[in-house]
Amino acid sequence: MDELKIKLTEVEQRAKSNTHRIEKVEQRQDNLEKLTDTISVLANEQEHIKSDVGEIKTDVKTLTEKPAKRWDAIVDKVLWAIVGAAVAFALAQIGF
């Protein structure tokens, strides 16, 4: 009978130990699931940020090209004016 009590006590202690270990495993599993959800949300936000950065880069490129296009147009007009003046001067020298 004493041997049975000892065995029962050992089994109860092992059951308590196992219960404690299972609770720890469950807590770790819950933490892991939360981490997985958080990573999923972060990945989703990263995709939005990536598309936003792409739009910003396009906008900045467009804005930086505008002054260059204006400058090219001004230079083009000045060159045409110089060429026109040179042609007019040459025609005036010839007598046209």
C-alpha atoms as a PDB file:
ATOM      1  CA  MET A   1       0.000   0.000   0.000  1.00  0.00           C
ATOM      2  CA  ASP A   2       2.841   2.377   0.856  1.00  0.00           C
ATOM      3  CA  GLU A   3       4.440   1.626  -2.456  1.00  0.00           C
ATOM      4  CA  LEU A   4       1.190   2.579  -4.180  1.00  0.00           C
ATOM      5  CA  LYS A   5       1.074   5.893  -2.289  1.00  0.00           C
ATOM      6  CA  ILE A   6       4.659   6.631  -3.292  1.00  0.00           C
ATOM      7  CA  LYS A   7       3.942   5.835  -6.927  1.00  0.00           C
ATOM      8  CA  LEU A   8       0.745   7.921  -6.839  1.00  0.00           C
ATOM      9  CA  THR A   9       2.637  10.823  -5.291  1.00  0.00           C
ATOM     10  CA  GLU A  10       5.321  10.557  -7.988  1.00  0.00           C
ATOM     11  CA  VAL A  11       2.688  10.477 -10.724  1.00  0.00           C
ATOM     12  CA  GLU A  12       0.925  13.513  -9.235  1.00  0.00           C
ATOM     13  CA  GLN A  13       4.218  15.429  -9.053  1.00  0.00           C
ATOM     14  CA  ARG A  14       5.028  14.489 -12.619  1.00  0.00           C
ATOM     15  CA  ALA A  15       1.514  15.553 -13.692  1.00  0.00           C
ATOM     16  CA  LYS A  16       1.986  18.948 -11.980  1.00  0.00           C
ATOM     17  CA  SER A  17       5.388  19.335 -13.619  1.00  0.00           C
ATOM     18  CA  ASN A  18       3.959  18.405 -17.000  1.00  0.00           C
ATOM     19  CA  THR A  19       1.034  20.790 -16.509  1.00  0.00           C
ATOM     20  CA  HIS A  20       3.463  23.591 -15.712  1.00  0.00           C
ATOM     21  CA  ARG A  21       5.564  22.756 -18.775  1.00  0.00           C
ATOM     22  CA  ILE A  22       2.471  22.600 -20.998  1.00  0.00           C
ATOM     23  CA  GLU A  23       1.369  26.025 -19.738  1.00  0.00           C
ATOM     24  CA  LYS A  24       4.791  27.419 -20.652  1.00  0.00           C
ATOM     25  CA  VAL A  25       4.556  25.848 -24.113  1.00  0.00           C
ATOM     26  CA  GLU A  26       1.072  27.301 -24.588  1.00  0.00           C
ATOM     27  CA  GLN A  27       2.324  30.750 -23.575  1.00  0.00           C
ATOM     28  CA  ARG A  28       5.240  30.479 -25.991  1.00  0.00           C
ATOM     29  CA  GLN A  29       2.860  29.376 -28.742  1.00  0.00           C
ATOM     30  CA  ASP A  30       0.607  32.370 -28.052  1.00  0.00           C
ATOM     31  CA  ASN A  31       3.634  34.672 -28.207  1.00  0.00           C
ATOM     32  CA  LEU A  32       4.721  33.059 -31.448  1.00  0.00           C
ATOM     33  CA  GLU A  33       1.272  33.582 -32.985  1.00  0.00           C
ATOM     34  CA  LYS A  34       1.306  37.243 -31.911  1.00  0.00           C
ATOM     35  CA  LEU A  35       4.762  37.648 -33.442  1.00  0.00           C
ATOM     36  CA  THR A  36       3.579  36.055 -36.681  1.00  0.00           C
ATOM     37  CA  ASP A  37       0.591  38.411 -36.827  1.00  0.00           C
ATOM     38  CA  THR A  38       2.832  41.406 -36.141  1.00  0.00           C
ATOM     39  CA  ILE A  39       5.264  40.392 -38.876  1.00  0.00           C
ATOM     40  CA  SER A  40       2.371  40.000 -41.294  1.00  0.00           C
ATOM     41  CA  VAL A  41       1.129  43.506 -40.476  1.00  0.00           C
ATOM     42  CA  LEU A  42       4.656  44.910 -40.847  1.00  0.00           C
ATOM     43  CA  ALA A  43       5.075  43.235 -44.234  1.00  0.00           C
ATOM     44  CA  ASN A  44       1.778  44.727 -45.373  1.00  0.00           C
ATOM     45  CA  GLU A  45       2.801  48.186 -44.172  1.00  0.00           C
ATOM     46  CA  GLN A  46       6.169  47.801 -45.881  1.00  0.00           C
ATOM     47  CA  GLU A  47       4.413  47.173 -49.205  1.00  0.00           C
ATOM     48  CA  HIS A  48       2.381  50.373 -48.748  1.00  0.00           C
ATOM     49  CA  ILE A  49       5.520  52.306 -47.855  1.00  0.00           C
ATOM     50  CA  LYS A  50       7.288  50.880 -50.887  1.00  0.00           C
ATOM     51  CA  SER A  51       4.521  52.054 -53.225  1.00  0.00           C
ATOM     52  CA  ASP A  52       4.431  55.467 -51.518  1.00  0.00           C
ATOM     53  CA  VAL A  53       8.199  55.869 -51.912  1.00  0.00           C
ATOM     54  CA  GLY A  54       7.869  54.930 -55.586  1.00  0.00           C
ATOM     55  CA  GLU A  55       5.247  57.644 -56.074  1.00  0.00           C
ATOM     56  CA  ILE A  56       7.389  60.179 -54.221  1.00  0.00           C
ATOM     57  CA  LYS A  57      10.416  59.331 -56.359  1.00  0.00           C
ATOM     58  CA  THR A  58       8.349  59.787 -59.522  1.00  0.00           C
ATOM     59  CA  ASP A  59       7.031  63.132 -58.292  1.00  0.00           C
ATOM     60  CA  VAL A  60      10.506  64.363 -57.333  1.00  0.00           C
ATOM     61  CA  LYS A  61      11.885  63.300 -60.698  1.00  0.00           C
ATOM     62  CA  THR A  62       9.093  65.174 -62.463  1.00  0.00           C
ATOM     63  CA  LEU A  63       9.707  68.277 -60.380  1.00  0.00           C
ATOM     64  CA  THR A  64      13.451  68.217 -60.964  1.00  0.00           C
ATOM     65  CA  GLU A  65      12.975  67.789 -64.721  1.00  0.00           C
ATOM     66  CA  LYS A  66      10.678  70.829 -65.022  1.00  0.00           C
ATOM     67  CA  PRO A  67      13.368  73.503 -64.536  1.00  0.00           C
ATOM     68  CA  ALA A  68      15.662  71.647 -66.934  1.00  0.00           C
ATOM     69  CA  LYS A  69      12.934  71.603 -69.582  1.00  0.00           C
ATOM     70  CA  ARG A  70      12.326  75.318 -69.046  1.00  0.00           C
ATOM     71  CA  TRP A  71      16.046  76.063 -69.294  1.00  0.00           C
ATOM     72  CA  ASP A  72      16.292  74.017 -72.496  1.00  0.00           C
ATOM     73  CA  ALA A  73      13.356  75.940 -73.969  1.00  0.00           C
ATOM     74  CA  ILE A  74      14.949  79.283 -73.049  1.00  0.00           C
ATOM     75  CA  VAL A  75      18.315  78.279 -74.508  1.00  0.00           C
ATOM     76  CA  ASP A  76      16.560  77.044 -77.652  1.00  0.00           C
ATOM     77  CA  LYS A  77      14.747  80.377 -78.083  1.00  0.00           C
ATOM     78  CA  VAL A  78      17.925  82.394 -77.456  1.00  0.00           C
ATOM     79  CA  LEU A  79      19.808  80.330 -80.061  1.00  0.00           C
ATOM     80  CA  TRP A  80      17.026  80.868 -82.604  1.00  0.00           C
ATOM     81  CA  ALA A  81      17.070  84.586 -81.859  1.00  0.00           C
ATOM     82  CA  ILE A  82      20.847  84.738 -82.373  1.00  0.00           C
ATOM     83  CA  VAL A  83      20.590  82.745 -85.601  1.00  0.00           C
ATOM     84  CA  GLY A  84      17.740  85.001 -86.767  1.00  0.00           C
ATOM     85  CA  ALA A  85      19.721  88.138 -85.933  1.00  0.00           C
ATOM     86  CA  ALA A  86      22.769  86.785 -87.749  1.00  0.00           C
ATOM     87  CA  VAL A  87      20.681  85.950 -90.810  1.00  0.00           C
ATOM     88  CA  ALA A  88      19.025  89.394 -90.697  1.00  0.00           C
ATOM     89  CA  PHE A  89      22.415  91.081 -90.350  1.00  0.00           C
ATOM     90  CA  ALA A  90      23.819  89.058 -93.247  1.00  0.00           C
ATOM     91  CA  LEU A  91      20.786  89.909 -95.421  1.00  0.00           C
ATOM     92  CA  ALA A  92      21.106  93.589 -94.485  1.00  0.00           C
ATOM     93  CA  GLN A  93      24.780  93.564 -95.488  1.00  0.00           C
ATOM     94  CA  ILE A  94      23.923  92.009 -98.813  1.00  0.00           C
ATOM     95  CA  GLY A  95      21.179  94.526 -99.375  1.00  0.00           C
ATOM     96  CA  PHE A  96      18.028  92.456 -99.032  1.00  0.00           C
END
